[in-house]
PDB file of N, CA and C in Angstrom:
ATOM      1  N   MET A   1     -16.918 -12.594   0.734  1.00  0.00           N
ATOM      2  CA  MET A   1     -17.485 -11.260   0.926  1.00  0.00           C
ATOM      3  C   MET A   1     -16.892 -10.312  -0.110  1.00  0.00           C
ATOM      4  N   LYS A   2     -17.741  -9.501  -0.688  1.00  0.00           N
ATOM      5  CA  LYS A   2     -17.295  -8.549  -1.690  1.00  0.00           C
ATOM      6  C   LYS A   2     -17.108  -7.182  -1.019  1.00  0.00           C
ATOM      7  N   TYR A   3     -15.955  -6.558  -1.268  1.00  0.00           N
ATOM      8  CA  TYR A   3     -15.622  -5.269  -0.678  1.00  0.00           C
ATOM      9  C   TYR A   3     -15.713  -4.159  -1.715  1.00  0.00           C
ATOM     10  N   THR A   4     -16.042  -2.948  -1.254  1.00  0.00           N
ATOM     11  CA  THR A   4     -15.882  -1.780  -2.103  1.00  0.00           C
ATOM     12  C   THR A   4     -14.387  -1.480  -2.151  1.00  0.00           C
ATOM     13  N   ARG A   5     -13.998  -0.575  -3.037  1.00  0.00           N
ATOM     14  CA  ARG A   5     -12.574  -0.218  -3.118  1.00  0.00           C
ATOM     15  C   ARG A   5     -12.081   0.329  -1.777  1.00  0.00           C
ATOM     16  N   LYS A   6     -12.861   1.227  -1.177  1.00  0.00           N
ATOM     17  CA  LYS A   6     -12.488   1.819   0.104  1.00  0.00           C
ATOM     18  C   LYS A   6     -12.353   0.748   1.183  1.00  0.00           C
ATOM     19  N   GLN A   7     -13.305  -0.160   1.239  1.00  0.00           N
ATOM     20  CA  GLN A   7     -13.257  -1.223   2.246  1.00  0.00           C
ATOM     21  C   GLN A   7     -12.058  -2.142   2.029  1.00  0.00           C
ATOM     22  N   ALA A   8     -11.754  -2.439   0.775  1.00  0.00           N
ATOM     23  CA  ALA A   8     -10.622  -3.316   0.463  1.00  0.00           C
ATOM     24  C   ALA A   8      -9.305  -2.680   0.900  1.00  0.00           C
ATOM     25  N   ILE A   9      -9.152  -1.380   0.641  1.00  0.00           N
ATOM     26  CA  ILE A   9      -7.929  -0.686   1.047  1.00  0.00           C
ATOM     27  C   ILE A   9      -7.822  -0.666   2.565  1.00  0.00           C
ATOM     28  N   GLU A  10      -8.931  -0.350   3.236  1.00  0.00           N
ATOM     29  CA  GLU A  10      -8.913  -0.329   4.702  1.00  0.00           C
ATOM     30  C   GLU A  10      -8.567  -1.705   5.255  1.00  0.00           C
ATOM     31  N   GLN A  11      -9.159  -2.766   4.693  1.00  0.00           N
ATOM     32  CA  GLN A  11      -8.872  -4.119   5.171  1.00  0.00           C
ATOM     33  C   GLN A  11      -7.413  -4.481   4.938  1.00  0.00           C
ATOM     34  N   PHE A  12      -6.862  -4.067   3.790  1.00  0.00           N
ATOM     35  CA  PHE A  12      -5.448  -4.327   3.506  1.00  0.00           C
ATOM     36  C   PHE A  12      -4.571  -3.672   4.567  1.00  0.00           C
ATOM     37  N   CYS A  13      -4.867  -2.394   4.871  1.00  0.00           N
ATOM     38  CA  CYS A  13      -4.071  -1.665   5.858  1.00  0.00           C
ATOM     39  C   CYS A  13      -4.179  -2.302   7.244  1.00  0.00           C
ATOM     40  N   ILE A  14      -5.379  -2.712   7.599  1.00  0.00           N
ATOM     41  CA  ILE A  14      -5.573  -3.358   8.901  1.00  0.00           C
ATOM     42  C   ILE A  14      -4.761  -4.641   8.970  1.00  0.00           C
ATOM     43  N   ASN A  15      -4.831  -5.458   7.917  1.00  0.00           N
ATOM     44  CA  ASN A  15      -4.077  -6.713   7.903  1.00  0.00           C
ATOM     45  C   ASN A  15      -2.571  -6.468   7.903  1.00  0.00           C
ATOM     46  N   CYS A  16      -2.151  -5.381   7.281  1.00  0.00           N
ATOM     47  CA  CYS A  16      -0.726  -5.090   7.157  1.00  0.00           C
ATOM     48  C   CYS A  16      -0.106  -4.644   8.478  1.00  0.00           C
ATOM     49  N   LEU A  17      -0.775  -3.749   9.197  1.00  0.00           N
ATOM     50  CA  LEU A  17      -0.072  -3.155  10.335  1.00  0.00           C
ATOM     51  C   LEU A  17      -0.821  -3.069  11.643  1.00  0.00           C
ATOM     52  N   TYR A  18      -2.105  -3.337  11.670  1.00  0.00           N
ATOM     53  CA  TYR A  18      -2.841  -3.198  12.938  1.00  0.00           C
ATOM     54  C   TYR A  18      -2.425  -4.273  13.928  1.00  0.00           C
ATOM     55  N   ASP A  19      -2.077  -3.839  15.128  1.00  0.00           N
ATOM     56  CA  ASP A  19      -1.700  -4.741  16.208  1.00  0.00           C
ATOM     57  C   ASP A  19      -2.620  -4.491  17.398  1.00  0.00           C
ATOM     58  N   PRO A  20      -3.636  -5.353  17.610  1.00  0.00           N
ATOM     59  CA  PRO A  20      -4.568  -5.135  18.721  1.00  0.00           C
ATOM     60  C   PRO A  20      -3.894  -5.219  20.087  1.00  0.00           C
ATOM     61  N   GLN A  21      -2.733  -5.847  20.151  1.00  0.00           N
ATOM     62  CA  GLN A  21      -2.005  -5.961  21.420  1.00  0.00           C
ATOM     63  C   GLN A  21      -1.285  -4.665  21.784  1.00  0.00           C
ATOM     64  N   ALA A  22      -1.112  -3.787  20.815  1.00  0.00           N
ATOM     65  CA  ALA A  22      -0.406  -2.520  21.037  1.00  0.00           C
ATOM     66  C   ALA A  22      -1.425  -1.437  21.377  1.00  0.00           C
ATOM     67  N   ALA A  23      -2.112  -1.600  22.488  1.00  0.00           N
ATOM     68  CA  ALA A  23      -3.169  -0.659  22.883  1.00  0.00           C
ATOM     69  C   ALA A  23      -2.620   0.754  23.078  1.00  0.00           C
ATOM     70  N   GLY A  24      -1.383   0.878  23.492  1.00  0.00           N
ATOM     71  CA  GLY A  24      -0.782   2.183  23.705  1.00  0.00           C
ATOM     72  C   GLY A  24      -0.535   2.951  22.416  1.00  0.00           C
ATOM     73  N   GLU A  25      -0.604   2.253  21.289  1.00  0.00           N
ATOM     74  CA  GLU A  25      -0.357   2.897  19.990  1.00  0.00           C
ATOM     75  C   GLU A  25      -1.635   3.364  19.328  1.00  0.00           C
ATOM     76  N   GLY A  26      -2.775   3.189  19.985  1.00  0.00           N
ATOM     77  CA  GLY A  26      -4.038   3.711  19.471  1.00  0.00           C
ATOM     78  C   GLY A  26      -4.919   2.667  18.820  1.00  0.00           C
ATOM     79  N   THR A  27      -6.036   3.143  18.333  1.00  0.00           N
ATOM     80  CA  THR A  27      -6.997   2.286  17.648  1.00  0.00           C
ATOM     81  C   THR A  27      -6.450   1.877  16.292  1.00  0.00           C
ATOM     82  N   LYS A  28      -7.190   1.000  15.605  1.00  0.00           N
ATOM     83  CA  LYS A  28      -6.708   0.565  14.287  1.00  0.00           C
ATOM     84  C   LYS A  28      -6.602   1.747  13.329  1.00  0.00           C
ATOM     85  N   HIS A  29      -7.552   2.682  13.392  1.00  0.00           N
ATOM     86  CA  HIS A  29      -7.500   3.841  12.494  1.00  0.00           C
ATOM     87  C   HIS A  29      -6.334   4.772  12.855  1.00  0.00           C
ATOM     88  N   GLN A  30      -6.053   4.927  14.120  1.00  0.00           N
ATOM     89  CA  GLN A  30      -4.912   5.752  14.529  1.00  0.00           C
ATOM     90  C   GLN A  30      -3.604   5.106  14.093  1.00  0.00           C
ATOM     91  N   GLN A  31      -3.518   3.792  14.197  1.00  0.00           N
ATOM     92  CA  GLN A  31      -2.310   3.101  13.755  1.00  0.00           C
ATOM     93  C   GLN A  31      -2.135   3.211  12.244  1.00  0.00           C
ATOM     94  N   ILE A  32      -3.239   3.132  11.502  1.00  0.00           N
ATOM     95  CA  ILE A  32      -3.163   3.265  10.045  1.00  0.00           C
ATOM     96  C   ILE A  32      -2.734   4.679   9.659  1.00  0.00           C
ATOM     97  N   GLU A  33      -3.284   5.696  10.325  1.00  0.00           N
ATOM     98  CA  GLU A  33      -2.893   7.078  10.037  1.00  0.00           C
ATOM     99  C   GLU A  33      -1.421   7.321  10.322  1.00  0.00           C
ATOM    100  N   ALA A  34      -0.868   6.589  11.297  1.00  0.00           N
ATOM    101  CA  ALA A  34       0.532   6.766  11.677  1.00  0.00           C
ATOM    102  C   ALA A  34       1.483   5.982  10.774  1.00  0.00           C
ATOM    103  N   CYS A  35       0.946   5.277   9.798  1.00  0.00           N
ATOM    104  CA  CYS A  35       1.774   4.463   8.903  1.00  0.00           C
ATOM    105  C   CYS A  35       2.825   5.333   8.206  1.00  0.00           C
ATOM    106  N   LEU A  36       4.051   4.854   8.197  1.00  0.00           N
ATOM    107  CA  LEU A  36       5.153   5.591   7.567  1.00  0.00           C
ATOM    108  C   LEU A  36       5.672   4.911   6.306  1.00  0.00           C
ATOM    109  N   SER A  37       4.967   3.886   5.863  1.00  0.00           N
ATOM    110  CA  SER A  37       5.417   3.105   4.718  1.00  0.00           C
ATOM    111  C   SER A  37       5.047   3.807   3.411  1.00  0.00           C
ATOM    112  N   THR A  38       5.754   4.878   3.101  1.00  0.00           N
ATOM    113  CA  THR A  38       5.439   5.676   1.916  1.00  0.00           C
ATOM    114  C   THR A  38       5.708   4.939   0.607  1.00  0.00           C
ATOM    115  N   ASP A  39       6.436   3.831   0.653  1.00  0.00           N
ATOM    116  CA  ASP A  39       6.682   3.058  -0.562  1.00  0.00           C
ATOM    117  C   ASP A  39       5.528   2.089  -0.861  1.00  0.00           C
ATOM    118  N   CYS A  40       4.555   2.006   0.024  1.00  0.00           N
ATOM    119  CA  CYS A  40       3.378   1.164  -0.198  1.00  0.00           C
ATOM    120  C   CYS A  40       2.533   1.786  -1.305  1.00  0.00           C
ATOM    121  N   PRO A  41       2.093   0.995  -2.290  1.00  0.00           N
ATOM    122  CA  PRO A  41       1.295   1.570  -3.370  1.00  0.00           C
ATOM    123  C   PRO A  41      -0.060   2.116  -2.914  1.00  0.00           C
ATOM    124  N   LEU A  42      -0.523   1.713  -1.741  1.00  0.00           N
ATOM    125  CA  LEU A  42      -1.807   2.194  -1.230  1.00  0.00           C
ATOM    126  C   LEU A  42      -1.652   3.312  -0.203  1.00  0.00           C
ATOM    127  N   TYR A  43      -0.435   3.759   0.037  1.00  0.00           N
ATOM    128  CA  TYR A  43      -0.185   4.765   1.075  1.00  0.00           C
ATOM    129  C   TYR A  43      -1.043   6.016   0.895  1.00  0.00           C
ATOM    130  N   ALA A  44      -1.142   6.516  -0.303  1.00  0.00           N
ATOM    131  CA  ALA A  44      -1.890   7.753  -0.560  1.00  0.00           C
ATOM    132  C   ALA A  44      -3.390   7.575  -0.361  1.00  0.00           C
ATOM    133  N   TRP A  45      -3.862   6.344  -0.402  1.00  0.00           N
ATOM    134  CA  TRP A  45      -5.302   6.085  -0.286  1.00  0.00           C
ATOM    135  C   TRP A  45      -5.688   5.442   1.047  1.00  0.00           C
ATOM    136  N   ARG A  46      -4.747   5.341   1.965  1.00  0.00           N
ATOM    137  CA  ARG A  46      -5.091   4.713   3.247  1.00  0.00           C
ATOM    138  C   ARG A  46      -6.117   5.579   3.974  1.00  0.00           C
ATOM    139  N   PRO A  47      -6.968   4.955   4.762  1.00  0.00           N
ATOM    140  CA  PRO A  47      -8.022   5.723   5.435  1.00  0.00           C
ATOM    141  C   PRO A  47      -7.454   6.665   6.484  1.00  0.00           C
ATOM    142  N   VAL A  48      -7.878   7.916   6.440  1.00  0.00           N
ATOM    143  CA  VAL A  48      -7.490   8.908   7.443  1.00  0.00           C
ATOM    144  C   VAL A  48      -8.729   9.709   7.834  1.00  0.00           C
ATOM    145  N   THR A  49      -8.699  10.309   9.004  1.00  0.00           N
ATOM    146  CA  THR A  49      -9.842  11.100   9.459  1.00  0.00           C
ATOM    147  C   THR A  49      -9.894  12.434   8.724  1.00  0.00           C
ATOM    148  N   SER A  50     -11.058  13.054   8.750  1.00  0.00           N
ATOM    149  CA  SER A  50     -11.199  14.345   8.075  1.00  0.00           C
ATOM    150  C   SER A  50     -10.334  15.416   8.728  1.00  0.00           C
ATOM    151  N   SER A  51     -10.124  15.318  10.051  1.00  0.00           N
ATOM    152  CA  SER A  51      -9.268  16.302  10.714  1.00  0.00           C
ATOM    153  C   SER A  51      -7.819  16.163  10.256  1.00  0.00           C
ATOM    154  N   THR A  52      -7.375  14.940  10.020  1.00  0.00           N
ATOM    155  CA  THR A  52      -6.019  14.722   9.518  1.00  0.00           C
ATOM    156  C   THR A  52      -5.892  15.267   8.100  1.00  0.00           C
ATOM    157  N   LYS A  53      -6.917  15.051   7.270  1.00  0.00           N
ATOM    158  CA  LYS A  53      -6.894  15.585   5.908  1.00  0.00           C
ATOM    159  C   LYS A  53      -6.809  17.105   5.930  1.00  0.00           C
ATOM    160  N   GLN A  54      -7.581  17.729   6.825  1.00  0.00           N
ATOM    161  CA  GLN A  54      -7.566  19.191   6.915  1.00  0.00           C
ATOM    162  C   GLN A  54      -6.210  19.695   7.385  1.00  0.00           C
ATOM    163  N   GLU A  55      -5.604  19.007   8.348  1.00  0.00           N
ATOM    164  CA  GLU A  55      -4.265  19.393   8.832  1.00  0.00           C
ATOM    165  C   GLU A  55      -3.269  19.352   7.680  1.00  0.00           C
ATOM    166  N   ARG A  56      -3.348  18.313   6.860  1.00  0.00           N
ATOM    167  CA  ARG A  56      -2.430  18.183   5.720  1.00  0.00           C
ATOM    168  C   ARG A  56      -2.647  19.305   4.712  1.00  0.00           C
ATOM    169  N   LYS A  57      -3.913  19.623   4.437  1.00  0.00           N
ATOM    170  CA  LYS A  57      -4.218  20.719   3.509  1.00  0.00           C
ATOM    171  C   LYS A  57      -3.672  22.034   4.047  1.00  0.00           C
ATOM    172  N   ASP A  58      -3.883  22.279   5.351  1.00  0.00           N
ATOM    173  CA  ASP A  58      -3.404  23.521   5.962  1.00  0.00           C
ATOM    174  C   ASP A  58      -1.883  23.618   5.891  1.00  0.00           C
ATOM    175  N   LYS A  59      -1.205  22.509   6.156  1.00  0.00           N
ATOM    176  CA  LYS A  59       0.258  22.492   6.125  1.00  0.00           C
ATOM    177  C   LYS A  59       0.766  22.732   4.701  1.00  0.00           C
ATOM    178  N   LYS A  60       0.094  22.103   3.726  1.00  0.00           N
ATOM    179  CA  LYS A  60       0.486  22.279   2.329  1.00  0.00           C
ATOM    180  C   LYS A  60       0.271  23.723   1.887  1.00  0.00           C
ATOM    181  N   TYR A  61      -0.856  24.319   2.295  1.00  0.00           N
ATOM    182  CA  TYR A  61      -1.160  25.706   1.939  1.00  0.00           C
ATOM    183  C   TYR A  61      -0.143  26.651   2.571  1.00  0.00           C
ATOM    184  N   ALA A  62       0.225  26.400   3.821  1.00  0.00           N
ATOM    185  CA  ALA A  62       1.181  27.262   4.519  1.00  0.00           C
ATOM    186  C   ALA A  62       2.555  27.245   3.848  1.00  0.00           C
ATOM    187  N   ALA A  63       2.879  26.148   3.180  1.00  0.00           N
ATOM    188  CA  ALA A  63       4.186  26.027   2.528  1.00  0.00           C
ATOM    189  C   ALA A  63       4.238  26.727   1.166  1.00  0.00           C
ATOM    190  N   LEU A  64       3.093  27.174   0.664  1.00  0.00           N
ATOM    191  CA  LEU A  64       3.070  27.850  -0.638  1.00  0.00           C
ATOM    192  C   LEU A  64       3.654  29.254  -0.545  1.00  0.00           C
ATOM    193  N   SER A  65       4.187  29.710  -1.653  1.00  0.00           N
ATOM    194  CA  SER A  65       4.661  31.096  -1.722  1.00  0.00           C
ATOM    195  C   SER A  65       3.443  32.013  -1.789  1.00  0.00           C
ATOM    196  N   PRO A  66       3.611  33.307  -1.495  1.00  0.00           N
ATOM    197  CA  PRO A  66       2.477  34.233  -1.595  1.00  0.00           C
ATOM    198  C   PRO A  66       1.830  34.220  -2.982  1.00  0.00           C
ATOM    199  N   TYR A  67       2.631  34.125  -4.021  1.00  0.00           N
ATOM    200  CA  TYR A  67       2.104  34.071  -5.386  1.00  0.00           C
ATOM    201  C   TYR A  67       1.267  32.808  -5.605  1.00  0.00           C
ATOM    202  N   GLU A  68       1.783  31.671  -5.140  1.00  0.00           N
ATOM    203  CA  GLU A  68       1.043  30.409  -5.281  1.00  0.00           C
ATOM    204  C   GLU A  68      -0.265  30.445  -4.489  1.00  0.00           C
ATOM    205  N   LYS A  69      -0.237  31.063  -3.318  1.00  0.00           N
ATOM    206  CA  LYS A  69      -1.461  31.189  -2.519  1.00  0.00           C
ATOM    207  C   LYS A  69      -2.493  32.041  -3.260  1.00  0.00           C
ATOM    208  N   GLU A  70      -2.025  33.124  -3.880  1.00  0.00           N
ATOM    209  CA  GLU A  70      -2.915  34.010  -4.623  1.00  0.00           C
ATOM    210  C   GLU A  70      -3.567  33.261  -5.793  1.00  0.00           C
ATOM    211  N   LEU A  71      -2.759  32.486  -6.534  1.00  0.00           N
ATOM    212  CA  LEU A  71      -3.294  31.697  -7.639  1.00  0.00           C
ATOM    213  C   LEU A  71      -4.310  30.669  -7.157  1.00  0.00           C
ATOM    214  N   ARG A  72      -3.969  29.979  -6.083  1.00  0.00           N
ATOM    215  CA  ARG A  72      -4.861  28.955  -5.537  1.00  0.00           C
ATOM    216  C   ARG A  72      -6.173  29.571  -5.075  1.00  0.00           C
ATOM    217  N   ASP A  73      -6.090  30.699  -4.394  1.00  0.00           N
ATOM    218  CA  ASP A  73      -7.296  31.362  -3.902  1.00  0.00           C
ATOM    219  C   ASP A  73      -8.170  31.853  -5.055  1.00  0.00           C
ATOM    220  N   ALA A  74      -7.542  32.351  -6.118  1.00  0.00           N
ATOM    221  CA  ALA A  74      -8.293  32.825  -7.283  1.00  0.00           C
ATOM    222  C   ALA A  74      -9.016  31.661  -7.965  1.00  0.00           C
ATOM    223  N   LYS A  75      -8.338  30.520  -8.100  1.00  0.00           N
ATOM    224  CA  LYS A  75      -8.965  29.340  -8.697  1.00  0.00           C
ATOM    225  C   LYS A  75     -10.127  28.862  -7.837  1.00  0.00           C
ATOM    226  N   ALA A  76      -9.952  28.891  -6.526  1.00  0.00           N
ATOM    227  CA  ALA A  76     -11.019  28.472  -5.612  1.00  0.00           C
ATOM    228  C   ALA A  76     -12.226  29.387  -5.737  1.00  0.00           C
ATOM    229  N   GLU A  77     -11.996  30.677  -5.889  1.00  0.00           N
ATOM    230  CA  GLU A  77     -13.099  31.627  -6.035  1.00  0.00           C
ATOM    231  C   GLU A  77     -13.851  31.391  -7.347  1.00  0.00           C
ATOM    232  N   VAL A  78     -13.130  31.132  -8.431  1.00  0.00           N
ATOM    233  CA  VAL A  78     -13.769  30.830  -9.712  1.00  0.00           C
ATOM    234  C   VAL A  78     -14.636  29.576  -9.562  1.00  0.00           C
ATOM    235  N   HIS A  79     -14.123  28.580  -8.880  1.00  0.00           N
ATOM    236  CA  HIS A  79     -14.874  27.344  -8.663  1.00  0.00           C
ATOM    237  C   HIS A  79     -16.149  27.615  -7.856  1.00  0.00           C
ATOM    238  N   ARG A  80     -16.041  28.426  -6.802  1.00  0.00           N
ATOM    239  CA  ARG A  80     -17.218  28.765  -5.986  1.00  0.00           C
ATOM    240  C   ARG A  80     -18.271  29.486  -6.831  1.00  0.00           C
ATOM    241  N   ILE A  81     -17.843  30.416  -7.684  1.00  0.00           N
ATOM    242  CA  ILE A  81     -18.777  31.169  -8.531  1.00  0.00           C
ATOM    243  C   ILE A  81     -19.475  30.226  -9.512  1.00  0.00           C
ATOM    244  N   ARG A  82     -18.714  29.346 -10.157  1.00  0.00           N
ATOM    245  CA  ARG A  82     -19.303  28.398 -11.110  1.00  0.00           C
ATOM    246  C   ARG A  82     -20.285  27.464 -10.415  1.00  0.00           C
ATOM    247  N   THR A  83     -19.925  26.991  -9.241  1.00  0.00           N
ATOM    248  CA  THR A  83     -20.804  26.101  -8.491  1.00  0.00           C
ATOM    249  C   THR A  83     -22.095  26.814  -8.130  1.00  0.00           C
ATOM    250  N   ARG A  84     -21.992  28.065  -7.668  1.00  0.00           N
ATOM    251  CA  ARG A  84     -23.163  28.854  -7.316  1.00  0.00           C
ATOM    252  C   ARG A  84     -24.083  29.035  -8.529  1.00  0.00           C
ATOM    253  N   LYS A  85     -23.487  29.362  -9.687  1.00  0.00           N
ATOM    254  CA  LYS A  85     -24.262  29.555 -10.910  1.00  0.00           C
ATOM    255  C   LYS A  85     -24.983  28.260 -11.314  1.00  0.00           C
ATOM    256  N   ASN A  86     -24.293  27.143 -11.182  1.00  0.00           N
ATOM    257  CA  ASN A  86     -24.893  25.845 -11.537  1.00  0.00           C
ATOM    258  C   ASN A  86     -26.045  25.508 -10.596  1.00  0.00           C
ATOM    259  N   LEU A  87     -25.908  25.849  -9.346  1.00  0.00           N
ATOM    260  CA  LEU A  87     -26.964  25.567  -8.380  1.00  0.00           C
ATOM    261  C   LEU A  87     -28.197  26.442  -8.594  1.00  0.00           C
ATOM    262  N   LEU A  88     -27.947  27.675  -9.029  1.00  0.00           N
ATOM    263  CA  LEU A  88     -29.057  28.602  -9.221  1.00  0.00           C
ATOM    264  C   LEU A  88     -29.759  28.442 -10.559  1.00  0.00           C
ATOM    265  N   GLY A  89     -29.155  27.731 -11.441  1.00  0.00           N
ATOM    266  CA  GLY A  89     -29.845  27.470 -12.699  1.00  0.00           C
ATOM    267  C   GLY A  89     -29.145  27.980 -13.860  1.00  0.00           C
TER     268      GLY A  89
END
């Protein structure tokens, strides 16, 4: 069977740490999200839910200094304006 990159990473993570007998530890995706093996080369690309991604973004944003937040927000606004212009023609 041929896998996409995303499927291959997910299958690797499942084979590495999913334990179907550990029902109290959650589903396979919950167990993968709880992975603490930061030295794994695939750690940054392991499958996570969109809510987990948003939580991480929010936490990262909250840790920024006021100046860094201002810069980030300004860059985001420039991106929104460019995207709008591209969509409108």
